[in-house]
C-alpha atoms as a PDB file:
ATOM      1  CA  MET A   1       6.726  11.093   4.494  1.00  0.00           C
ATOM      2  CA  GLU A   2       3.081  11.175   3.467  1.00  0.00           C
ATOM      3  CA  GLU A   3       0.464  10.210   6.049  1.00  0.00           C
ATOM      4  CA  PRO A   4       0.406   6.415   6.455  1.00  0.00           C
ATOM      5  CA  GLN A   5      -2.892   4.781   5.547  1.00  0.00           C
ATOM      6  CA  ILE A   6      -4.415   1.618   6.963  1.00  0.00           C
ATOM      7  CA  VAL A   7      -6.503  -0.238   4.398  1.00  0.00           C
ATOM      8  CA  ARG A   8      -8.807  -3.250   4.777  1.00  0.00           C
ATOM      9  CA  TYR A   9     -10.024  -5.432   1.912  1.00  0.00           C
ATOM     10  CA  GLN A  10     -12.865  -7.929   2.324  1.00  0.00           C
ATOM     11  CA  LYS A  11     -14.318 -10.623   0.050  1.00  0.00           C
ATOM     12  CA  GLY A  12     -15.066  -9.202  -3.410  1.00  0.00           C
ATOM     13  CA  GLN A  13     -12.960  -6.071  -2.909  1.00  0.00           C
ATOM     14  CA  GLU A  14      -9.935  -5.041  -4.955  1.00  0.00           C
ATOM     15  CA  PHE A  15      -7.965  -1.971  -6.003  1.00  0.00           C
ATOM     16  CA  SER A  16      -7.666  -1.700  -9.771  1.00  0.00           C
ATOM     17  CA  TRP A  17      -4.543  -0.965 -11.818  1.00  0.00           C
ATOM     18  CA  HIS A  18      -2.786   2.233 -10.785  1.00  0.00           C
ATOM     19  CA  TYR A  19       0.534   3.998 -10.387  1.00  0.00           C
ATOM     20  CA  ASP A  20       1.641   5.515  -7.070  1.00  0.00           C
ATOM     21  CA  GLU A  21       3.159   8.558  -8.768  1.00  0.00           C
ATOM     22  CA  VAL A  22       1.877  12.032  -7.898  1.00  0.00           C
ATOM     23  CA  PRO A  23       0.101  13.845 -10.761  1.00  0.00           C
ATOM     24  CA  ASN A  24       2.034  16.801 -12.190  1.00  0.00           C
ATOM     25  CA  ASN A  25      -0.538  19.294 -10.864  1.00  0.00           C
ATOM     26  CA  ALA A  26       0.048  18.130  -7.253  1.00  0.00           C
ATOM     27  CA  LEU A  27       3.856  18.078  -7.099  1.00  0.00           C
ATOM     28  CA  GLU A  28       4.152  21.310  -5.063  1.00  0.00           C
ATOM     29  CA  ASN A  29       3.660  19.404  -1.781  1.00  0.00           C
ATOM     30  CA  GLY A  30       6.745  17.221  -1.427  1.00  0.00           C
ATOM     31  CA  GLY A  31       7.353  16.477  -5.086  1.00  0.00           C
ATOM     32  CA  GLN A  32       7.155  13.005  -6.564  1.00  0.00           C
ATOM     33  CA  ARG A  33       6.730   9.825  -4.528  1.00  0.00           C
ATOM     34  CA  LEU A  34      10.088   8.057  -4.686  1.00  0.00           C
ATOM     35  CA  ALA A  35       9.282   5.015  -2.553  1.00  0.00           C
ATOM     36  CA  THR A  36       6.194   3.019  -1.580  1.00  0.00           C
ATOM     37  CA  LEU A  37       6.186   0.719   1.443  1.00  0.00           C
ATOM     38  CA  LEU A  38       3.330  -1.742   1.945  1.00  0.00           C
ATOM     39  CA  VAL A  39       3.327  -3.562   5.284  1.00  0.00           C
ATOM     40  CA  TYR A  40       1.034  -6.583   5.445  1.00  0.00           C
ATOM     41  CA  LEU A  41      -0.890  -6.865   8.714  1.00  0.00           C
ATOM     42  CA  SER A  42      -2.631 -10.155   7.929  1.00  0.00           C
ATOM     43  CA  ASP A  43      -2.182 -13.426   6.089  1.00  0.00           C
ATOM     44  CA  VAL A  44      -4.229 -14.145   2.962  1.00  0.00           C
ATOM     45  CA  ALA A  45      -4.187 -17.679   1.556  1.00  0.00           C
ATOM     46  CA  SER A  46      -2.739 -17.772  -1.962  1.00  0.00           C
ATOM     47  CA  ASP A  47      -5.968 -19.225  -3.344  1.00  0.00           C
ATOM     48  CA  HIS A  48      -7.994 -16.352  -1.827  1.00  0.00           C
ATOM     49  CA  GLY A  49      -6.607 -13.544  -4.013  1.00  0.00           C
ATOM     50  CA  GLY A  50      -5.529 -10.280  -2.398  1.00  0.00           C
ATOM     51  CA  GLY A  51      -1.995 -10.280  -3.777  1.00  0.00           C
ATOM     52  CA  THR A  52      -0.249  -7.109  -4.916  1.00  0.00           C
ATOM     53  CA  MET A  53       0.341  -7.721  -8.634  1.00  0.00           C
ATOM     54  CA  PHE A  54       2.720  -5.841 -10.938  1.00  0.00           C
ATOM     55  CA  ARG A  55       1.704  -6.104 -14.597  1.00  0.00           C
ATOM     56  CA  ASP A  56       5.107  -5.354 -16.126  1.00  0.00           C
ATOM     57  CA  LEU A  57       7.413  -6.962 -13.549  1.00  0.00           C
ATOM     58  CA  LYS A  58       7.827 -10.718 -13.832  1.00  0.00           C
ATOM     59  CA  GLU A  59       8.414 -13.425 -11.220  1.00  0.00           C
ATOM     60  CA  GLY A  60      11.725 -14.474 -12.708  1.00  0.00           C
ATOM     61  CA  TYR A  61      14.131 -13.861 -15.559  1.00  0.00           C
ATOM     62  CA  ASP A  62      12.486 -16.373 -17.923  1.00  0.00           C
ATOM     63  CA  SER A  63       8.964 -16.049 -16.508  1.00  0.00           C
ATOM     64  CA  GLU A  64       5.900 -14.719 -18.265  1.00  0.00           C
ATOM     65  CA  SER A  65       3.985 -14.591 -14.958  1.00  0.00           C
ATOM     66  CA  SER A  66       3.403 -11.187 -13.399  1.00  0.00           C
ATOM     67  CA  LEU A  67       5.099 -10.585 -10.060  1.00  0.00           C
ATOM     68  CA  VAL A  68       2.640 -11.064  -7.170  1.00  0.00           C
ATOM     69  CA  MET A  69       3.353 -10.406  -3.487  1.00  0.00           C
ATOM     70  CA  GLN A  70       0.953 -12.498  -1.402  1.00  0.00           C
ATOM     71  CA  PRO A  71       0.044 -10.893   1.962  1.00  0.00           C
ATOM     72  CA  LYS A  72       1.789 -12.495   4.930  1.00  0.00           C
ATOM     73  CA  LEU A  73       1.554 -11.006   8.406  1.00  0.00           C
ATOM     74  CA  GLY A  74       4.681  -8.972   9.151  1.00  0.00           C
ATOM     75  CA  SER A  75       6.066  -8.966   5.612  1.00  0.00           C
ATOM     76  CA  ALA A  76       6.650  -5.789   3.640  1.00  0.00           C
ATOM     77  CA  LEU A  77       6.964  -4.743   0.013  1.00  0.00           C
ATOM     78  CA  LEU A  78       9.176  -1.796  -0.920  1.00  0.00           C
ATOM     79  CA  PHE A  79       9.172  -0.461  -4.462  1.00  0.00           C
ATOM     80  CA  PHE A  80      10.079   2.741  -6.236  1.00  0.00           C
ATOM     81  CA  PRO A  81       7.302   4.379  -8.312  1.00  0.00           C
ATOM     82  CA  ALA A  82       9.717   7.025  -9.606  1.00  0.00           C
ATOM     83  CA  LYS A  83      13.403   7.288 -10.361  1.00  0.00           C
ATOM     84  CA  SER A  84      15.679   9.410  -8.162  1.00  0.00           C
ATOM     85  CA  ASP A  85      15.163  12.390 -10.512  1.00  0.00           C
ATOM     86  CA  GLY A  86      11.371  12.188 -10.000  1.00  0.00           C
ATOM     87  CA  THR A  87      10.605  10.626 -13.393  1.00  0.00           C
ATOM     88  CA  PRO A  88       7.771   8.086 -12.936  1.00  0.00           C
ATOM     89  CA  ASP A  89       8.732   4.439 -13.504  1.00  0.00           C
ATOM     90  CA  GLU A  90       6.094   2.985 -15.833  1.00  0.00           C
ATOM     91  CA  ARG A  91       7.009  -0.572 -14.780  1.00  0.00           C
ATOM     92  CA  THR A  92       5.354  -0.096 -11.370  1.00  0.00           C
ATOM     93  CA  LEU A  93       1.743  -0.325 -12.584  1.00  0.00           C
ATOM     94  CA  HIS A  94       0.112  -2.531  -9.940  1.00  0.00           C
ATOM     95  CA  ARG A  95      -3.169  -3.606  -8.373  1.00  0.00           C
ATOM     96  CA  SER A  96      -4.611  -5.516  -5.472  1.00  0.00           C
ATOM     97  CA  GLU A  97      -6.161  -8.750  -6.697  1.00  0.00           C
ATOM     98  CA  VAL A  98      -9.817  -9.424  -5.874  1.00  0.00           C
ATOM     99  CA  MET A  99     -10.312 -10.997  -2.454  1.00  0.00           C
ATOM    100  CA  THR A 100     -12.068 -14.321  -3.097  1.00  0.00           C
ATOM    101  CA  GLY A 101     -11.925 -15.960   0.333  1.00  0.00           C
ATOM    102  CA  ASP A 102     -13.362 -14.995   3.687  1.00  0.00           C
ATOM    103  CA  ASP A 103     -10.022 -13.703   5.034  1.00  0.00           C
ATOM    104  CA  GLU A 104      -9.479  -9.967   5.390  1.00  0.00           C
ATOM    105  CA  LYS A 105      -6.441  -8.224   3.962  1.00  0.00           C
ATOM    106  CA  TRP A 106      -5.021  -5.448   6.137  1.00  0.00           C
ATOM    107  CA  ILE A 107      -2.117  -3.261   5.040  1.00  0.00           C
ATOM    108  CA  ILE A 108      -0.375  -0.062   6.014  1.00  0.00           C
ATOM    109  CA  GLN A 109       0.827   1.950   3.042  1.00  0.00           C
ATOM    110  CA  MET A 110       3.434   4.698   3.240  1.00  0.00           C
ATOM    111  CA  TRP A 111       5.132   6.934   0.682  1.00  0.00           C
ATOM    112  CA  ILE A 112       8.427   8.815   0.728  1.00  0.00           C
ATOM    113  CA  HIS A 113       8.609  12.017  -1.343  1.00  0.00           C
ATOM    114  CA  GLU A 114      11.476  13.920  -2.989  1.00  0.00           C
ATOM    115  CA  ARG A 115      11.127  16.815  -0.543  1.00  0.00           C
ATOM    116  CA  GLU A 116       9.402  17.549   2.751  1.00  0.00           C
ATOM    117  CA  TYR A 117       5.715  16.664   2.596  1.00  0.00           C
ATOM    118  CA  LYS A 118       3.188  18.642   4.663  1.00  0.00           C
ATOM    119  CA  ALA A 119       0.283  16.540   5.943  1.00  0.00           C
ATOM    120  CA  VAL A 120      -3.071  17.542   4.527  1.00  0.00           C
ATOM    121  CA  LEU A 121      -6.177  16.475   6.421  1.00  0.00           C
ATOM    122  CA  PRO A 122      -9.719  17.021   5.134  1.00  0.00           C
ATOM    123  CA  ILE A 123     -11.853  19.450   7.152  1.00  0.00           C
ATOM    124  CA  GLY A 124     -13.364  17.689  10.153  1.00  0.00           C
ATOM    125  CA  ASN A 125     -10.652  15.004  10.320  1.00  0.00           C
ATOM    126  CA  SER A 126      -7.865  14.844  12.838  1.00  0.00           C
ATOM    127  CA  HIS A 127      -5.409  12.337  14.183  1.00  0.00           C
ATOM    128  CA  ASP A 128      -6.999  12.772  17.629  1.00  0.00           C
ATOM    129  CA  LEU A 129     -10.444  11.783  16.318  1.00  0.00           C
ATOM    130  CA  ALA A 130      -8.996   8.652  14.687  1.00  0.00           C
ATOM    131  CA  ALA A 131      -6.869   7.546  17.650  1.00  0.00           C
ATOM    132  CA  ASP A 132      -9.514   5.348  19.335  1.00  0.00           C
ATOM    133  CA  ALA A 133     -10.387   3.551  16.096  1.00  0.00           C
ATOM    134  CA  VAL A 134      -6.700   2.962  15.361  1.00  0.00           C
ATOM    135  CA  ARG A 135      -6.125   1.539  18.856  1.00  0.00           C
ATOM    136  CA  GLU A 136      -9.157  -0.775  18.473  1.00  0.00           C
ATOM    137  CA  THR A 137      -7.850  -2.013  15.121  1.00  0.00           C
ATOM    138  CA  ILE A 138      -4.384  -2.657  16.563  1.00  0.00           C
ATOM    139  CA  VAL A 139      -5.919  -4.759  19.360  1.00  0.00           C
ATOM    140  CA  LYS A 140      -8.224  -6.603  16.913  1.00  0.00           C
ATOM    141  CA  LEU A 141      -5.238  -7.508  14.734  1.00  0.00           C
ATOM    142  CA  GLY A 142      -3.276  -8.741  17.749  1.00  0.00           C
ATOM    143  CA  LEU A 143      -0.561  -6.118  17.271  1.00  0.00           C
ATOM    144  CA  ALA A 144      -0.882  -4.438  20.686  1.00  0.00           C
ATOM    145  CA  LYS A 145       2.344  -4.667  22.705  1.00  0.00           C
ATOM    146  CA  ASP A 146       0.536  -5.511  25.946  1.00  0.00           C
ATOM    147  CA  GLN A 147      -1.070  -8.701  24.597  1.00  0.00           C
END
């Protein structure tokens, strides 16, 4: 599993259209991403944006509306950016909608690869250095077990 990432979006922020697949020149570390898991750590009102939108997946069989997962504390979205043979699935193009309200969107994102993935940390970064900030964020979000 690739290193989990905690991401925060505030008013006016978004993540534009993208695929979660690994570029061909980076497949040596773990191969292709086969699964993406987004865990929502906050609620975002439906009229405040922030949803995870899939351009080519629709809400229902007869729908023309793009599939949107609205953030709800404790919910999760699992999708598969590549087929089991590692071929990218073009239908998984997605984005985070622009945050229009004053809420904050918090997510944890995780990826499962075809093969063992070796964590790669930039020089000067370490899990130990991030531990205090992670603990503070967990408490701020009300996710600490001792609360």
